[in-house]
Amino acid sequence: MANSNSSSNNLVVPQAREAMDRFKMEAANEVGVNLKQGYNGDLTSREAGSVGGQMVKKMIQAYEESIK
């Protein structure tokens, strides 16, 4: 899959960045990971994965509720 952008984490709707940041902070809080505003490169792979996994879990739950 060719991507004209050098980064794969660009949002399709740039205005959604603030909402995604809030969503990420909420998910991190739920799994007990302390995120800072800005750079979080000091997270372990386990911590970053748990935040991402929680975000996916919540997105799946929201989708499933929307199709009921």
PDB file of N, CA and C in Angstrom:
ATOM      1  N   MET A   1       0.843  -1.173   0.000  1.00  0.00           N
ATOM      2  CA  MET A   1       0.000   0.000   0.000  1.00  0.00           C
ATOM      3  C   MET A   1       0.887   1.235   0.000  1.00  0.00           C
ATOM      4  N   ALA A   2       0.778   2.017  -1.019  1.00  0.00           N
ATOM      5  CA  ALA A   2       1.603   3.218  -1.136  1.00  0.00           C
ATOM      6  C   ALA A   2       0.983   4.347  -0.330  1.00  0.00           C
ATOM      7  N   ASN A   3       1.836   5.099   0.332  1.00  0.00           N
ATOM      8  CA  ASN A   3       1.385   6.215   1.150  1.00  0.00           C
ATOM      9  C   ASN A   3       2.224   7.422   0.786  1.00  0.00           C
ATOM     10  N   SER A   4       1.578   8.498   0.364  1.00  0.00           N
ATOM     11  CA  SER A   4       2.323   9.676  -0.045  1.00  0.00           C
ATOM     12  C   SER A   4       2.875  10.456   1.145  1.00  0.00           C
ATOM     13  N   ASN A   5       2.383  10.176   2.334  1.00  0.00           N
ATOM     14  CA  ASN A   5       2.879  10.843   3.540  1.00  0.00           C
ATOM     15  C   ASN A   5       4.016  10.032   4.142  1.00  0.00           C
ATOM     16  N   SER A   6       4.964  10.721   4.760  1.00  0.00           N
ATOM     17  CA  SER A   6       6.077  10.011   5.374  1.00  0.00           C
ATOM     18  C   SER A   6       5.685   9.400   6.715  1.00  0.00           C
ATOM     19  N   SER A   7       4.596   9.849   7.300  1.00  0.00           N
ATOM     20  CA  SER A   7       4.143   9.335   8.589  1.00  0.00           C
ATOM     21  C   SER A   7       2.817   8.609   8.400  1.00  0.00           C
ATOM     22  N   SER A   8       2.645   7.495   9.087  1.00  0.00           N
ATOM     23  CA  SER A   8       1.408   6.731   8.942  1.00  0.00           C
ATOM     24  C   SER A   8       0.351   7.120   9.970  1.00  0.00           C
ATOM     25  N   ASN A   9       0.659   8.067  10.850  1.00  0.00           N
ATOM     26  CA  ASN A   9      -0.326   8.418  11.871  1.00  0.00           C
ATOM     27  C   ASN A   9      -0.996   9.758  11.608  1.00  0.00           C
ATOM     28  N   ASN A  10      -1.103  10.148  10.345  1.00  0.00           N
ATOM     29  CA  ASN A  10      -1.814  11.370  10.002  1.00  0.00           C
ATOM     30  C   ASN A  10      -3.312  11.109  10.044  1.00  0.00           C
ATOM     31  N   LEU A  11      -4.046  12.037  10.621  1.00  0.00           N
ATOM     32  CA  LEU A  11      -5.489  11.890  10.691  1.00  0.00           C
ATOM     33  C   LEU A  11      -6.118  12.300   9.375  1.00  0.00           C
ATOM     34  N   VAL A  12      -7.173  11.612   8.988  1.00  0.00           N
ATOM     35  CA  VAL A  12      -7.894  11.949   7.773  1.00  0.00           C
ATOM     36  C   VAL A  12      -8.547  13.314   7.938  1.00  0.00           C
ATOM     37  N   VAL A  13      -9.044  13.584   9.138  1.00  0.00           N
ATOM     38  CA  VAL A  13      -9.649  14.883   9.449  1.00  0.00           C
ATOM     39  C   VAL A  13      -8.742  15.561  10.480  1.00  0.00           C
ATOM     40  N   PRO A  14      -7.870  16.464  10.033  1.00  0.00           N
ATOM     41  CA  PRO A  14      -6.903  17.068  10.966  1.00  0.00           C
ATOM     42  C   PRO A  14      -7.533  17.722  12.190  1.00  0.00           C
ATOM     43  N   GLN A  15      -8.747  18.216  12.072  1.00  0.00           N
ATOM     44  CA  GLN A  15      -9.418  18.863  13.194  1.00  0.00           C
ATOM     45  C   GLN A  15      -9.765  17.856  14.298  1.00  0.00           C
ATOM     46  N   ALA A  16      -9.656  16.591  14.023  1.00  0.00           N
ATOM     47  CA  ALA A  16      -9.996  15.567  15.010  1.00  0.00           C
ATOM     48  C   ALA A  16      -8.856  15.296  15.980  1.00  0.00           C
ATOM     49  N   ARG A  17      -7.705  15.908  15.776  1.00  0.00           N
ATOM     50  CA  ARG A  17      -6.539  15.627  16.618  1.00  0.00           C
ATOM     51  C   ARG A  17      -6.838  15.853  18.098  1.00  0.00           C
ATOM     52  N   GLU A  18      -7.507  16.947  18.451  1.00  0.00           N
ATOM     53  CA  GLU A  18      -7.801  17.230  19.858  1.00  0.00           C
ATOM     54  C   GLU A  18      -8.687  16.140  20.467  1.00  0.00           C
ATOM     55  N   ALA A  19      -9.694  15.703  19.719  1.00  0.00           N
ATOM     56  CA  ALA A  19     -10.579  14.643  20.217  1.00  0.00           C
ATOM     57  C   ALA A  19      -9.810  13.335  20.372  1.00  0.00           C
ATOM     58  N   MET A  20      -8.922  13.024  19.436  1.00  0.00           N
ATOM     59  CA  MET A  20      -8.121  11.799  19.531  1.00  0.00           C
ATOM     60  C   MET A  20      -7.163  11.868  20.709  1.00  0.00           C
ATOM     61  N   ASP A  21      -6.599  13.040  20.966  1.00  0.00           N
ATOM     62  CA  ASP A  21      -5.709  13.196  22.115  1.00  0.00           C
ATOM     63  C   ASP A  21      -6.467  12.986  23.424  1.00  0.00           C
ATOM     64  N   ARG A  22      -7.696  13.526  23.519  1.00  0.00           N
ATOM     65  CA  ARG A  22      -8.515  13.312  24.719  1.00  0.00           C
ATOM     66  C   ARG A  22      -8.859  11.828  24.873  1.00  0.00           C
ATOM     67  N   PHE A  23      -9.203  11.193  23.762  1.00  0.00           N
ATOM     68  CA  PHE A  23      -9.541   9.774  23.763  1.00  0.00           C
ATOM     69  C   PHE A  23      -8.346   8.946  24.228  1.00  0.00           C
ATOM     70  N   LYS A  24      -7.160   9.288  23.744  1.00  0.00           N
ATOM     71  CA  LYS A  24      -5.945   8.566  24.135  1.00  0.00           C
ATOM     72  C   LYS A  24      -5.664   8.749  25.618  1.00  0.00           C
ATOM     73  N   MET A  25      -5.821   9.972  26.128  1.00  0.00           N
ATOM     74  CA  MET A  25      -5.583  10.227  27.546  1.00  0.00           C
ATOM     75  C   MET A  25      -6.582   9.460  28.408  1.00  0.00           C
ATOM     76  N   GLU A  26      -7.833   9.410  27.976  1.00  0.00           N
ATOM     77  CA  GLU A  26      -8.873   8.672  28.709  1.00  0.00           C
ATOM     78  C   GLU A  26      -8.534   7.176  28.747  1.00  0.00           C
ATOM     79  N   ALA A  27      -8.139   6.628  27.614  1.00  0.00           N
ATOM     80  CA  ALA A  27      -7.784   5.207  27.553  1.00  0.00           C
ATOM     81  C   ALA A  27      -6.565   4.925  28.425  1.00  0.00           C
ATOM     82  N   ALA A  28      -5.578   5.804  28.387  1.00  0.00           N
ATOM     83  CA  ALA A  28      -4.373   5.622  29.204  1.00  0.00           C
ATOM     84  C   ALA A  28      -4.720   5.634  30.683  1.00  0.00           C
ATOM     85  N   ASN A  29      -5.591   6.547  31.072  1.00  0.00           N
ATOM     86  CA  ASN A  29      -6.013   6.628  32.464  1.00  0.00           C
ATOM     87  C   ASN A  29      -6.720   5.341  32.891  1.00  0.00           C
ATOM     88  N   GLU A  30      -7.536   4.779  32.020  1.00  0.00           N
ATOM     89  CA  GLU A  30      -8.281   3.563  32.342  1.00  0.00           C
ATOM     90  C   GLU A  30      -7.365   2.362  32.559  1.00  0.00           C
ATOM     91  N   VAL A  31      -6.229   2.322  31.875  1.00  0.00           N
ATOM     92  CA  VAL A  31      -5.313   1.186  32.035  1.00  0.00           C
ATOM     93  C   VAL A  31      -4.143   1.509  32.947  1.00  0.00           C
ATOM     94  N   GLY A  32      -4.153   2.694  33.561  1.00  0.00           N
ATOM     95  CA  GLY A  32      -3.142   3.052  34.546  1.00  0.00           C
ATOM     96  C   GLY A  32      -1.802   3.499  33.980  1.00  0.00           C
ATOM     97  N   VAL A  33      -1.813   4.047  32.767  1.00  0.00           N
ATOM     98  CA  VAL A  33      -0.583   4.553  32.160  1.00  0.00           C
ATOM     99  C   VAL A  33      -0.605   6.078  32.236  1.00  0.00           C
ATOM    100  N   ASN A  34       0.466   6.646  32.740  1.00  0.00           N
ATOM    101  CA  ASN A  34       0.553   8.104  32.866  1.00  0.00           C
ATOM    102  C   ASN A  34       1.142   8.701  31.598  1.00  0.00           C
ATOM    103  N   LEU A  35       0.284   9.353  30.811  1.00  0.00           N
ATOM    104  CA  LEU A  35       0.742  10.042  29.607  1.00  0.00           C
ATOM    105  C   LEU A  35       0.951  11.511  29.917  1.00  0.00           C
ATOM    106  N   LYS A  36       1.897  12.104  29.219  1.00  0.00           N
ATOM    107  CA  LYS A  36       2.141  13.539  29.312  1.00  0.00           C
ATOM    108  C   LYS A  36       1.627  14.178  28.029  1.00  0.00           C
ATOM    109  N   GLN A  37       1.355  15.453  28.068  1.00  0.00           N
ATOM    110  CA  GLN A  37       1.062  16.178  26.841  1.00  0.00           C
ATOM    111  C   GLN A  37       2.343  16.216  26.030  1.00  0.00           C
ATOM    112  N   GLY A  38       2.243  15.936  24.747  1.00  0.00           N
ATOM    113  CA  GLY A  38       3.428  15.968  23.896  1.00  0.00           C
ATOM    114  C   GLY A  38       4.122  14.629  23.822  1.00  0.00           C
ATOM    115  N   TYR A  39       5.422  14.642  23.904  1.00  0.00           N
ATOM    116  CA  TYR A  39       6.263  13.462  23.685  1.00  0.00           C
ATOM    117  C   TYR A  39       6.118  12.433  24.800  1.00  0.00           C
ATOM    118  N   ASN A  40       5.892  11.183  24.406  1.00  0.00           N
ATOM    119  CA  ASN A  40       5.788  10.081  25.362  1.00  0.00           C
ATOM    120  C   ASN A  40       6.666   8.910  24.943  1.00  0.00           C
ATOM    121  N   GLY A  41       7.813   9.217  24.360  1.00  0.00           N
ATOM    122  CA  GLY A  41       8.710   8.187  23.865  1.00  0.00           C
ATOM    123  C   GLY A  41       9.361   7.355  24.947  1.00  0.00           C
ATOM    124  N   ASP A  42       9.172   7.748  26.192  1.00  0.00           N
ATOM    125  CA  ASP A  42       9.764   6.976  27.287  1.00  0.00           C
ATOM    126  C   ASP A  42       8.843   5.852  27.770  1.00  0.00           C
ATOM    127  N   LEU A  43       7.679   5.678  27.134  1.00  0.00           N
ATOM    128  CA  LEU A  43       6.786   4.583  27.497  1.00  0.00           C
ATOM    129  C   LEU A  43       7.389   3.253  27.064  1.00  0.00           C
ATOM    130  N   THR A  44       7.100   2.231  27.824  1.00  0.00           N
ATOM    131  CA  THR A  44       7.516   0.891  27.394  1.00  0.00           C
ATOM    132  C   THR A  44       6.566   0.424  26.292  1.00  0.00           C
ATOM    133  N   SER A  45       6.987  -0.580  25.558  1.00  0.00           N
ATOM    134  CA  SER A  45       6.122  -1.155  24.521  1.00  0.00           C
ATOM    135  C   SER A  45       4.842  -1.693  25.138  1.00  0.00           C
ATOM    136  N   ARG A  46       4.955  -2.267  26.312  1.00  0.00           N
ATOM    137  CA  ARG A  46       3.781  -2.814  27.004  1.00  0.00           C
ATOM    138  C   ARG A  46       2.790  -1.696  27.335  1.00  0.00           C
ATOM    139  N   GLU A  47       3.293  -0.567  27.846  1.00  0.00           N
ATOM    140  CA  GLU A  47       2.409   0.550  28.193  1.00  0.00           C
ATOM    141  C   GLU A  47       1.737   1.117  26.943  1.00  0.00           C
ATOM    142  N   ALA A  48       2.521   1.355  25.906  1.00  0.00           N
ATOM    143  CA  ALA A  48       1.960   1.912  24.673  1.00  0.00           C
ATOM    144  C   ALA A  48       0.937   0.948  24.077  1.00  0.00           C
ATOM    145  N   GLY A  49       1.247  -0.340  24.102  1.00  0.00           N
ATOM    146  CA  GLY A  49       0.322  -1.331  23.569  1.00  0.00           C
ATOM    147  C   GLY A  49      -0.960  -1.422  24.365  1.00  0.00           C
ATOM    148  N   SER A  50      -0.865  -1.260  25.672  1.00  0.00           N
ATOM    149  CA  SER A  50      -2.080  -1.332  26.487  1.00  0.00           C
ATOM    150  C   SER A  50      -2.985  -0.129  26.216  1.00  0.00           C
ATOM    151  N   VAL A  51      -2.393   1.033  25.963  1.00  0.00           N
ATOM    152  CA  VAL A  51      -3.197   2.219  25.629  1.00  0.00           C
ATOM    153  C   VAL A  51      -3.875   2.008  24.284  1.00  0.00           C
ATOM    154  N   GLY A  52      -3.105   1.588  23.291  1.00  0.00           N
ATOM    155  CA  GLY A  52      -3.675   1.340  21.963  1.00  0.00           C
ATOM    156  C   GLY A  52      -4.746   0.263  22.001  1.00  0.00           C
ATOM    157  N   GLY A  53      -4.489  -0.793  22.745  1.00  0.00           N
ATOM    158  CA  GLY A  53      -5.469  -1.869  22.861  1.00  0.00           C
ATOM    159  C   GLY A  53      -6.762  -1.405  23.505  1.00  0.00           C
ATOM    160  N   GLN A  54      -6.646  -0.560  24.520  1.00  0.00           N
ATOM    161  CA  GLN A  54      -7.838  -0.027  25.184  1.00  0.00           C
ATOM    162  C   GLN A  54      -8.626   0.871  24.228  1.00  0.00           C
ATOM    163  N   MET A  55      -7.912   1.638  23.409  1.00  0.00           N
ATOM    164  CA  MET A  55      -8.585   2.496  22.434  1.00  0.00           C
ATOM    165  C   MET A  55      -9.365   1.650  21.431  1.00  0.00           C
ATOM    166  N   VAL A  56      -8.748   0.595  20.933  1.00  0.00           N
ATOM    167  CA  VAL A  56      -9.420  -0.291  19.978  1.00  0.00           C
ATOM    168  C   VAL A  56     -10.626  -0.951  20.630  1.00  0.00           C
ATOM    169  N   LYS A  57     -10.466  -1.415  21.852  1.00  0.00           N
ATOM    170  CA  LYS A  57     -11.572  -2.050  22.576  1.00  0.00           C
ATOM    171  C   LYS A  57     -12.762  -1.099  22.682  1.00  0.00           C
ATOM    172  N   LYS A  58     -12.485   0.158  23.047  1.00  0.00           N
ATOM    173  CA  LYS A  58     -13.558   1.140  23.190  1.00  0.00           C
ATOM    174  C   LYS A  58     -14.203   1.477  21.848  1.00  0.00           C
ATOM    175  N   MET A  59     -13.405   1.517  20.776  1.00  0.00           N
ATOM    176  CA  MET A  59     -13.966   1.794  19.444  1.00  0.00           C
ATOM    177  C   MET A  59     -14.868   0.648  18.994  1.00  0.00           C
ATOM    178  N   ILE A  60     -14.460  -0.581  19.264  1.00  0.00           N
ATOM    179  CA  ILE A  60     -15.288  -1.736  18.905  1.00  0.00           C
ATOM    180  C   ILE A  60     -16.590  -1.719  19.698  1.00  0.00           C
ATOM    181  N   GLN A  61     -16.514  -1.425  20.988  1.00  0.00           N
ATOM    182  CA  GLN A  61     -17.724  -1.350  21.815  1.00  0.00           C
ATOM    183  C   GLN A  61     -18.676  -0.278  21.279  1.00  0.00           C
ATOM    184  N   ALA A  62     -18.134   0.880  20.924  1.00  0.00           N
ATOM    185  CA  ALA A  62     -18.978   1.969  20.411  1.00  0.00           C
ATOM    186  C   ALA A  62     -19.636   1.559  19.099  1.00  0.00           C
ATOM    187  N   TYR A  63     -18.877   0.882  18.233  1.00  0.00           N
ATOM    188  CA  TYR A  63     -19.448   0.427  16.957  1.00  0.00           C
ATOM    189  C   TYR A  63     -20.546  -0.585  17.202  1.00  0.00           C
ATOM    190  N   GLU A  64     -20.299  -1.558  18.066  1.00  0.00           N
ATOM    191  CA  GLU A  64     -21.295  -2.589  18.334  1.00  0.00           C
ATOM    192  C   GLU A  64     -22.576  -1.991  18.909  1.00  0.00           C
ATOM    193  N   GLU A  65     -22.435  -0.993  19.767  1.00  0.00           N
ATOM    194  CA  GLU A  65     -23.625  -0.330  20.323  1.00  0.00           C
ATOM    195  C   GLU A  65     -24.362   0.458  19.251  1.00  0.00           C
ATOM    196  N   SER A  66     -23.645   0.984  18.274  1.00  0.00           N
ATOM    197  CA  SER A  66     -24.281   1.794  17.240  1.00  0.00           C
ATOM    198  C   SER A  66     -25.087   0.962  16.244  1.00  0.00           C
ATOM    199  N   ILE A  67     -24.795  -0.336  16.131  1.00  0.00           N
ATOM    200  CA  ILE A  67     -25.515  -1.165  15.173  1.00  0.00           C
ATOM    201  C   ILE A  67     -26.664  -1.933  15.809  1.00  0.00           C
ATOM    202  N   LYS A  68     -26.897  -1.743  17.079  1.00  0.00           N
ATOM    203  CA  LYS A  68     -28.010  -2.447  17.758  1.00  0.00           C
ATOM    204  C   LYS A  68     -29.328  -1.814  17.399  1.00  0.00           C
TER     205      LYS A  68
END
